[in-house]
PDB file of N, CA and C in Angstrom:
ATOM      1  N   UNK A   1      -7.565 -25.244   4.830  1.00  0.00           N
ATOM      2  CA  UNK A   1      -7.824 -24.094   3.982  1.00  0.00           C
ATOM      3  C   UNK A   1      -6.643 -23.132   4.129  1.00  0.00           C
ATOM      4  N   UNK A   2      -6.129 -22.663   3.013  1.00  0.00           N
ATOM      5  CA  UNK A   2      -5.012 -21.716   3.045  1.00  0.00           C
ATOM      6  C   UNK A   2      -5.517 -20.328   3.446  1.00  0.00           C
ATOM      7  N   UNK A   3      -4.576 -19.459   3.800  1.00  0.00           N
ATOM      8  CA  UNK A   3      -4.949 -18.084   4.151  1.00  0.00           C
ATOM      9  C   UNK A   3      -5.631 -17.400   2.974  1.00  0.00           C
ATOM     10  N   UNK A   4      -5.081 -17.571   1.777  1.00  0.00           N
ATOM     11  CA  UNK A   4      -5.665 -16.929   0.590  1.00  0.00           C
ATOM     12  C   UNK A   4      -7.080 -17.440   0.335  1.00  0.00           C
ATOM     13  N   UNK A   5      -7.294 -18.736   0.509  1.00  0.00           N
ATOM     14  CA  UNK A   5      -8.639 -19.300   0.315  1.00  0.00           C
ATOM     15  C   UNK A   5      -9.620 -18.721   1.327  1.00  0.00           C
ATOM     16  N   UNK A   6      -9.179 -18.605   2.573  1.00  0.00           N
ATOM     17  CA  UNK A   6     -10.048 -18.041   3.612  1.00  0.00           C
ATOM     18  C   UNK A   6     -10.376 -16.582   3.306  1.00  0.00           C
ATOM     19  N   UNK A   7      -9.380 -15.824   2.875  1.00  0.00           N
ATOM     20  CA  UNK A   7      -9.606 -14.415   2.539  1.00  0.00           C
ATOM     21  C   UNK A   7     -10.587 -14.302   1.382  1.00  0.00           C
ATOM     22  N   UNK A   8     -10.407 -15.126   0.348  1.00  0.00           N
ATOM     23  CA  UNK A   8     -11.324 -15.108  -0.798  1.00  0.00           C
ATOM     24  C   UNK A   8     -12.751 -15.424  -0.359  1.00  0.00           C
ATOM     25  N   UNK A   9     -12.886 -16.386   0.541  1.00  0.00           N
ATOM     26  CA  UNK A   9     -14.216 -16.775   1.025  1.00  0.00           C
ATOM     27  C   UNK A   9     -14.870 -15.615   1.782  1.00  0.00           C
ATOM     28  N   UNK A  10     -14.114 -14.951   2.634  1.00  0.00           N
ATOM     29  CA  UNK A  10     -14.658 -13.821   3.393  1.00  0.00           C
ATOM     30  C   UNK A  10     -15.006 -12.672   2.453  1.00  0.00           C
ATOM     31  N   UNK A  11     -14.134 -12.408   1.472  1.00  0.00           N
ATOM     32  CA  UNK A  11     -14.438 -11.358   0.491  1.00  0.00           C
ATOM     33  C   UNK A  11     -15.760 -11.652  -0.207  1.00  0.00           C
ATOM     34  N   UNK A  12     -15.951 -12.898  -0.606  1.00  0.00           N
ATOM     35  CA  UNK A  12     -17.193 -13.285  -1.287  1.00  0.00           C
ATOM     36  C   UNK A  12     -18.388 -13.118  -0.352  1.00  0.00           C
ATOM     37  N   UNK A  13     -18.249 -13.589   0.895  1.00  0.00           N
ATOM     38  CA  UNK A  13     -19.336 -13.472   1.878  1.00  0.00           C
ATOM     39  C   UNK A  13     -19.736 -12.016   2.112  1.00  0.00           C
ATOM     40  N   UNK A  14     -18.761 -11.119   2.055  1.00  0.00           N
ATOM     41  CA  UNK A  14     -19.012  -9.699   2.318  1.00  0.00           C
ATOM     42  C   UNK A  14     -19.223  -8.893   1.039  1.00  0.00           C
ATOM     43  N   UNK A  15     -19.238  -9.581  -0.098  1.00  0.00           N
ATOM     44  CA  UNK A  15     -19.406  -8.925  -1.410  1.00  0.00           C
ATOM     45  C   UNK A  15     -18.385  -7.807  -1.620  1.00  0.00           C
ATOM     46  N   UNK A  16     -17.135  -8.104  -1.277  1.00  0.00           N
ATOM     47  CA  UNK A  16     -16.035  -7.161  -1.462  1.00  0.00           C
ATOM     48  C   UNK A  16     -15.087  -7.680  -2.533  1.00  0.00           C
ATOM     49  N   UNK A  17     -14.369  -6.773  -3.158  1.00  0.00           N
ATOM     50  CA  UNK A  17     -13.375  -7.150  -4.157  1.00  0.00           C
ATOM     51  C   UNK A  17     -11.976  -7.065  -3.545  1.00  0.00           C
ATOM     52  N   UNK A  18     -11.014  -7.668  -4.240  1.00  0.00           N
ATOM     53  CA  UNK A  18      -9.627  -7.543  -3.801  1.00  0.00           C
ATOM     54  C   UNK A  18      -9.187  -6.083  -3.844  1.00  0.00           C
ATOM     55  N   UNK A  19      -9.687  -5.342  -4.807  1.00  0.00           N
ATOM     56  CA  UNK A  19      -9.351  -3.917  -4.907  1.00  0.00           C
ATOM     57  C   UNK A  19      -9.812  -3.171  -3.657  1.00  0.00           C
ATOM     58  N   UNK A  20     -11.030  -3.452  -3.210  1.00  0.00           N
ATOM     59  CA  UNK A  20     -11.554  -2.795  -2.005  1.00  0.00           C
ATOM     60  C   UNK A  20     -10.740  -3.180  -0.775  1.00  0.00           C
ATOM     61  N   UNK A  21     -10.367  -4.458  -0.675  1.00  0.00           N
ATOM     62  CA  UNK A  21      -9.545  -4.890   0.453  1.00  0.00           C
ATOM     63  C   UNK A  21      -8.181  -4.212   0.402  1.00  0.00           C
ATOM     64  N   UNK A  22      -7.578  -4.167  -0.769  1.00  0.00           N
ATOM     65  CA  UNK A  22      -6.266  -3.520  -0.914  1.00  0.00           C
ATOM     66  C   UNK A  22      -6.332  -2.068  -0.440  1.00  0.00           C
ATOM     67  N   UNK A  23      -7.396  -1.367  -0.807  1.00  0.00           N
ATOM     68  CA  UNK A  23      -7.555   0.022  -0.364  1.00  0.00           C
ATOM     69  C   UNK A  23      -7.659   0.104   1.154  1.00  0.00           C
ATOM     70  N   UNK A  24      -8.374  -0.836   1.755  1.00  0.00           N
ATOM     71  CA  UNK A  24      -8.554  -0.820   3.212  1.00  0.00           C
ATOM     72  C   UNK A  24      -7.238  -1.040   3.955  1.00  0.00           C
ATOM     73  N   UNK A  25      -6.330  -1.834   3.352  1.00  0.00           N
ATOM     74  CA  UNK A  25      -5.066  -2.118   4.042  1.00  0.00           C
ATOM     75  C   UNK A  25      -3.904  -1.313   3.461  1.00  0.00           C
ATOM     76  N   UNK A  26      -4.237  -0.366   2.584  1.00  0.00           N
ATOM     77  CA  UNK A  26      -3.268   0.606   2.078  1.00  0.00           C
ATOM     78  C   UNK A  26      -2.120  -0.027   1.293  1.00  0.00           C
ATOM     79  N   UNK A  27      -2.466  -0.980   0.421  1.00  0.00           N
ATOM     80  CA  UNK A  27      -1.505  -1.516  -0.541  1.00  0.00           C
ATOM     81  C   UNK A  27      -2.178  -1.503  -1.914  1.00  0.00           C
ATOM     82  N   UNK A  28      -1.403  -1.719  -2.958  1.00  0.00           N
ATOM     83  CA  UNK A  28      -1.993  -1.728  -4.294  1.00  0.00           C
ATOM     84  C   UNK A  28      -2.750  -3.028  -4.531  1.00  0.00           C
ATOM     85  N   UNK A  29      -3.698  -2.979  -5.455  1.00  0.00           N
ATOM     86  CA  UNK A  29      -4.441  -4.179  -5.818  1.00  0.00           C
ATOM     87  C   UNK A  29      -3.487  -5.242  -6.352  1.00  0.00           C
ATOM     88  N   UNK A  30      -2.492  -4.821  -7.136  1.00  0.00           N
ATOM     89  CA  UNK A  30      -1.532  -5.771  -7.705  1.00  0.00           C
ATOM     90  C   UNK A  30      -0.715  -6.453  -6.613  1.00  0.00           C
ATOM     91  N   UNK A  31      -0.302  -5.698  -5.608  1.00  0.00           N
ATOM     92  CA  UNK A  31       0.447  -6.271  -4.490  1.00  0.00           C
ATOM     93  C   UNK A  31      -0.404  -7.315  -3.773  1.00  0.00           C
ATOM     94  N   UNK A  32      -1.655  -6.986  -3.496  1.00  0.00           N
ATOM     95  CA  UNK A  32      -2.541  -7.945  -2.840  1.00  0.00           C
ATOM     96  C   UNK A  32      -2.760  -9.162  -3.727  1.00  0.00           C
ATOM     97  N   UNK A  33      -2.972  -8.952  -5.004  1.00  0.00           N
ATOM     98  CA  UNK A  33      -3.179 -10.058  -5.934  1.00  0.00           C
ATOM     99  C   UNK A  33      -1.978 -10.999  -5.935  1.00  0.00           C
ATOM    100  N   UNK A  34      -0.773 -10.440  -5.945  1.00  0.00           N
ATOM    101  CA  UNK A  34       0.435 -11.269  -5.900  1.00  0.00           C
ATOM    102  C   UNK A  34       0.501 -12.082  -4.616  1.00  0.00           C
ATOM    103  N   UNK A  35       0.191 -11.456  -3.498  1.00  0.00           N
ATOM    104  CA  UNK A  35       0.202 -12.163  -2.216  1.00  0.00           C
ATOM    105  C   UNK A  35      -0.845 -13.280  -2.200  1.00  0.00           C
ATOM    106  N   UNK A  36      -2.020 -12.996  -2.759  1.00  0.00           N
ATOM    107  CA  UNK A  36      -3.087 -13.999  -2.810  1.00  0.00           C
ATOM    108  C   UNK A  36      -2.666 -15.176  -3.694  1.00  0.00           C
ATOM    109  N   UNK A  37      -2.067 -14.883  -4.843  1.00  0.00           N
ATOM    110  CA  UNK A  37      -1.656 -15.944  -5.761  1.00  0.00           C
ATOM    111  C   UNK A  37      -0.558 -16.822  -5.173  1.00  0.00           C
ATOM    112  N   UNK A  38       0.340 -16.218  -4.411  1.00  0.00           N
ATOM    113  CA  UNK A  38       1.434 -16.975  -3.796  1.00  0.00           C
ATOM    114  C   UNK A  38       1.051 -17.521  -2.420  1.00  0.00           C
ATOM    115  N   UNK A  39      -0.092 -17.061  -1.884  1.00  0.00           N
ATOM    116  CA  UNK A  39      -0.498 -17.387  -0.516  1.00  0.00           C
ATOM    117  C   UNK A  39       0.654 -17.065   0.434  1.00  0.00           C
ATOM    118  N   UNK A  40       1.151 -15.838   0.309  1.00  0.00           N
ATOM    119  CA  UNK A  40       2.343 -15.417   1.030  1.00  0.00           C
ATOM    120  C   UNK A  40       2.048 -14.123   1.788  1.00  0.00           C
ATOM    121  N   UNK A  41       1.745 -14.266   3.078  1.00  0.00           N
ATOM    122  CA  UNK A  41       1.400 -13.128   3.925  1.00  0.00           C
ATOM    123  C   UNK A  41       2.248 -13.174   5.188  1.00  0.00           C
ATOM    124  N   UNK A  42       2.668 -12.013   5.651  1.00  0.00           N
ATOM    125  CA  UNK A  42       3.316 -11.953   6.963  1.00  0.00           C
ATOM    126  C   UNK A  42       2.224 -12.020   8.030  1.00  0.00           C
ATOM    127  N   UNK A  43       2.629 -12.293   9.252  1.00  0.00           N
ATOM    128  CA  UNK A  43       1.663 -12.318  10.351  1.00  0.00           C
ATOM    129  C   UNK A  43       0.998 -10.952  10.495  1.00  0.00           C
ATOM    130  N   UNK A  44       1.777  -9.879  10.357  1.00  0.00           N
ATOM    131  CA  UNK A  44       1.226  -8.525  10.448  1.00  0.00           C
ATOM    132  C   UNK A  44       0.177  -8.298   9.365  1.00  0.00           C
ATOM    133  N   UNK A  45       0.464  -8.730   8.143  1.00  0.00           N
ATOM    134  CA  UNK A  45      -0.497  -8.558   7.049  1.00  0.00           C
ATOM    135  C   UNK A  45      -1.788  -9.317   7.326  1.00  0.00           C
ATOM    136  N   UNK A  46      -1.680 -10.514   7.878  1.00  0.00           N
ATOM    137  CA  UNK A  46      -2.888 -11.289   8.179  1.00  0.00           C
ATOM    138  C   UNK A  46      -3.737 -10.599   9.238  1.00  0.00           C
ATOM    139  N   UNK A  47      -3.091 -10.012  10.232  1.00  0.00           N
ATOM    140  CA  UNK A  47      -3.841  -9.288  11.263  1.00  0.00           C
ATOM    141  C   UNK A  47      -4.493  -8.049  10.656  1.00  0.00           C
ATOM    142  N   UNK A  48      -3.774  -7.338   9.787  1.00  0.00           N
ATOM    143  CA  UNK A  48      -4.342  -6.160   9.120  1.00  0.00           C
ATOM    144  C   UNK A  48      -5.536  -6.542   8.251  1.00  0.00           C
ATOM    145  N   UNK A  49      -5.398  -7.637   7.525  1.00  0.00           N
ATOM    146  CA  UNK A  49      -6.488  -8.100   6.659  1.00  0.00           C
ATOM    147  C   UNK A  49      -7.695  -8.496   7.500  1.00  0.00           C
ATOM    148  N   UNK A  50      -7.458  -9.239   8.572  1.00  0.00           N
ATOM    149  CA  UNK A  50      -8.563  -9.633   9.451  1.00  0.00           C
ATOM    150  C   UNK A  50      -9.271  -8.402  10.002  1.00  0.00           C
ATOM    151  N   UNK A  51      -8.510  -7.413  10.425  1.00  0.00           N
ATOM    152  CA  UNK A  51      -9.090  -6.174  10.947  1.00  0.00           C
ATOM    153  C   UNK A  51      -9.916  -5.479   9.870  1.00  0.00           C
ATOM    154  N   UNK A  52      -9.367  -5.380   8.662  1.00  0.00           N
ATOM    155  CA  UNK A  52     -10.067  -4.709   7.558  1.00  0.00           C
ATOM    156  C   UNK A  52     -11.353  -5.433   7.175  1.00  0.00           C
ATOM    157  N   UNK A  53     -11.353  -6.751   7.321  1.00  0.00           N
ATOM    158  CA  UNK A  53     -12.530  -7.554   6.968  1.00  0.00           C
ATOM    159  C   UNK A  53     -13.473  -7.760   8.153  1.00  0.00           C
ATOM    160  N   UNK A  54     -13.186  -7.074   9.255  1.00  0.00           N
ATOM    161  CA  UNK A  54     -13.982  -7.222  10.476  1.00  0.00           C
ATOM    162  C   UNK A  54     -14.121  -8.697  10.827  1.00  0.00           C
ATOM    163  N   UNK A  55     -12.973  -9.369  10.798  1.00  0.00           N
ATOM    164  CA  UNK A  55     -12.897 -10.800  11.084  1.00  0.00           C
ATOM    165  C   UNK A  55     -11.850 -11.013  12.169  1.00  0.00           C
ATOM    166  N   UNK A  56     -11.678 -12.263  12.563  1.00  0.00           N
ATOM    167  CA  UNK A  56     -10.700 -12.597  13.591  1.00  0.00           C
ATOM    168  C   UNK A  56      -9.673 -13.563  13.024  1.00  0.00           C
ATOM    169  N   UNK A  57      -8.457 -13.464  13.544  1.00  0.00           N
ATOM    170  CA  UNK A  57      -7.384 -14.375  13.178  1.00  0.00           C
ATOM    171  C   UNK A  57      -7.172 -15.293  14.369  1.00  0.00           C
ATOM    172  N   UNK A  58      -7.295 -16.583  14.131  1.00  0.00           N
ATOM    173  CA  UNK A  58      -7.284 -17.553  15.212  1.00  0.00           C
ATOM    174  C   UNK A  58      -6.207 -18.598  14.972  1.00  0.00           C
ATOM    175  N   UNK A  59      -5.425 -18.909  16.009  1.00  0.00           N
ATOM    176  CA  UNK A  59      -4.485 -20.024  15.968  1.00  0.00           C
ATOM    177  C   UNK A  59      -5.042 -21.133  16.839  1.00  0.00           C
ATOM    178  N   UNK A  60      -4.933 -22.364  16.351  1.00  0.00           N
ATOM    179  CA  UNK A  60      -5.416 -23.511  17.120  1.00  0.00           C
ATOM    180  C   UNK A  60      -4.258 -24.476  17.324  1.00  0.00           C
ATOM    181  N   UNK A  61      -4.026 -24.851  18.572  1.00  0.00           N
ATOM    182  CA  UNK A  61      -3.009 -25.831  18.912  1.00  0.00           C
ATOM    183  C   UNK A  61      -3.504 -27.203  18.466  1.00  0.00           C
ATOM    184  N   UNK A  62      -2.758 -27.864  17.592  1.00  0.00           N
ATOM    185  CA  UNK A  62      -3.202 -29.153  17.051  1.00  0.00           C
ATOM    186  C   UNK A  62      -3.295 -30.231  18.125  1.00  0.00           C
ATOM    187  N   UNK A  63      -2.411 -30.187  19.105  1.00  0.00           N
ATOM    188  CA  UNK A  63      -2.390 -31.272  20.082  1.00  0.00           C
ATOM    189  C   UNK A  63      -3.531 -31.208  21.093  1.00  0.00           C
ATOM    190  N   UNK A  64      -3.903 -30.010  21.535  1.00  0.00           N
ATOM    191  CA  UNK A  64      -4.957 -29.940  22.553  1.00  0.00           C
ATOM    192  C   UNK A  64      -6.164 -29.104  22.133  1.00  0.00           C
ATOM    193  N   UNK A  65      -6.150 -28.598  20.901  1.00  0.00           N
ATOM    194  CA  UNK A  65      -7.254 -27.823  20.332  1.00  0.00           C
ATOM    195  C   UNK A  65      -7.508 -26.486  21.027  1.00  0.00           C
ATOM    196  N   UNK A  66      -6.575 -26.039  21.891  1.00  0.00           N
ATOM    197  CA  UNK A  66      -6.715 -24.702  22.467  1.00  0.00           C
ATOM    198  C   UNK A  66      -6.646 -23.675  21.347  1.00  0.00           C
ATOM    199  N   UNK A  67      -7.431 -22.613  21.476  1.00  0.00           N
ATOM    200  CA  UNK A  67      -7.481 -21.573  20.457  1.00  0.00           C
ATOM    201  C   UNK A  67      -6.968 -20.258  21.027  1.00  0.00           C
ATOM    202  N   UNK A  68      -6.259 -19.511  20.167  1.00  0.00           N
ATOM    203  CA  UNK A  68      -5.666 -18.243  20.566  1.00  0.00           C
ATOM    204  C   UNK A  68      -6.020 -17.191  19.530  1.00  0.00           C
ATOM    205  N   UNK A  69      -6.666 -16.135  19.970  1.00  0.00           N
ATOM    206  CA  UNK A  69      -7.075 -15.043  19.092  1.00  0.00           C
ATOM    207  C   UNK A  69      -5.924 -14.053  18.955  1.00  0.00           C
ATOM    208  N   UNK A  70      -5.574 -13.723  17.708  1.00  0.00           N
ATOM    209  CA  UNK A  70      -4.519 -12.750  17.440  1.00  0.00           C
ATOM    210  C   UNK A  70      -5.198 -11.458  17.025  1.00  0.00           C
ATOM    211  N   UNK A  71      -4.848 -10.369  17.696  1.00  0.00           N
ATOM    212  CA  UNK A  71      -5.552  -9.122  17.445  1.00  0.00           C
ATOM    213  C   UNK A  71      -4.653  -7.940  17.763  1.00  0.00           C
ATOM    214  N   UNK A  72      -5.050  -6.784  17.254  1.00  0.00           N
ATOM    215  CA  UNK A  72      -4.409  -5.520  17.595  1.00  0.00           C
ATOM    216  C   UNK A  72      -5.090  -4.949  18.824  1.00  0.00           C
ATOM    217  N   UNK A  73      -4.359  -4.137  19.589  1.00  0.00           N
ATOM    218  CA  UNK A  73      -5.020  -3.410  20.675  1.00  0.00           C
ATOM    219  C   UNK A  73      -6.110  -2.502  20.110  1.00  0.00           C
ATOM    220  N   UNK A  74      -7.163  -2.304  20.851  1.00  0.00           N
ATOM    221  CA  UNK A  74      -8.305  -1.501  20.404  1.00  0.00           C
ATOM    222  C   UNK A  74      -7.902  -0.101  19.946  1.00  0.00           C
ATOM    223  N   UNK A  75      -6.905   0.503  20.601  1.00  0.00           N
ATOM    224  CA  UNK A  75      -6.563   1.888  20.272  1.00  0.00           C
ATOM    225  C   UNK A  75      -5.944   2.056  18.885  1.00  0.00           C
ATOM    226  N   UNK A  76      -5.477   0.970  18.255  1.00  0.00           N
ATOM    227  CA  UNK A  76      -4.930   1.113  16.902  1.00  0.00           C
ATOM    228  C   UNK A  76      -5.744   0.372  15.851  1.00  0.00           C
ATOM    229  N   UNK A  77      -6.821  -0.260  16.244  1.00  0.00           N
ATOM    230  CA  UNK A  77      -7.679  -0.956  15.276  1.00  0.00           C
ATOM    231  C   UNK A  77      -8.239   0.016  14.257  1.00  0.00           C
ATOM    232  N   UNK A  78      -8.250  -0.408  13.012  1.00  0.00           N
ATOM    233  CA  UNK A  78      -8.850   0.391  11.965  1.00  0.00           C
ATOM    234  C   UNK A  78      -7.994   1.537  11.455  1.00  0.00           C
ATOM    235  N   UNK A  79      -6.873   1.789  12.096  1.00  0.00           N
ATOM    236  CA  UNK A  79      -5.986   2.855  11.641  1.00  0.00           C
ATOM    237  C   UNK A  79      -4.998   2.270  10.635  1.00  0.00           C
ATOM    238  N   UNK A  80      -4.608   3.052   9.641  1.00  0.00           N
ATOM    239  CA  UNK A  80      -3.642   2.538   8.663  1.00  0.00           C
ATOM    240  C   UNK A  80      -2.329   2.150   9.333  1.00  0.00           C
ATOM    241  N   UNK A  81      -1.824   0.978   8.990  1.00  0.00           N
ATOM    242  CA  UNK A  81      -0.554   0.516   9.540  1.00  0.00           C
ATOM    243  C   UNK A  81       0.590   0.885   8.610  1.00  0.00           C
ATOM    244  N   UNK A  82       0.252   1.205   7.367  1.00  0.00           N
ATOM    245  CA  UNK A  82       1.258   1.522   6.357  1.00  0.00           C
ATOM    246  C   UNK A  82       1.070   2.963   5.907  1.00  0.00           C
ATOM    247  N   UNK A  83       2.159   3.594   5.568  1.00  0.00           N
ATOM    248  CA  UNK A  83       2.088   4.981   5.120  1.00  0.00           C
ATOM    249  C   UNK A  83       2.049   5.085   3.609  1.00  0.00           C
ATOM    250  N   UNK A  84       2.596   4.118   2.903  1.00  0.00           N
ATOM    251  CA  UNK A  84       2.678   4.181   1.443  1.00  0.00           C
ATOM    252  C   UNK A  84       1.920   3.032   0.810  1.00  0.00           C
ATOM    253  N   UNK A  85       1.486   3.263  -0.428  1.00  0.00           N
ATOM    254  CA  UNK A  85       0.905   2.177  -1.206  1.00  0.00           C
ATOM    255  C   UNK A  85       2.034   1.489  -1.838  1.00  0.00           C
TER     256      UNK A  85
END
């Protein structure tokens, strides 16, 4: 499953729109839509999106199936990471 597919699934599960997610991560709806269509996100953006969706970002090692949770420190969770839309 691609990142965009996973995000769409979580949005649907939470009854949220791309517009609402864009507002939560302080970017325009069009910017988010472009990223979703291209499935093109930076690691920072994925962590911000996971935080905004109250979800977790997980990496799994293919060879041994070890899992690694990627997260922000608690003191900056939920705070805007970007200053401009």
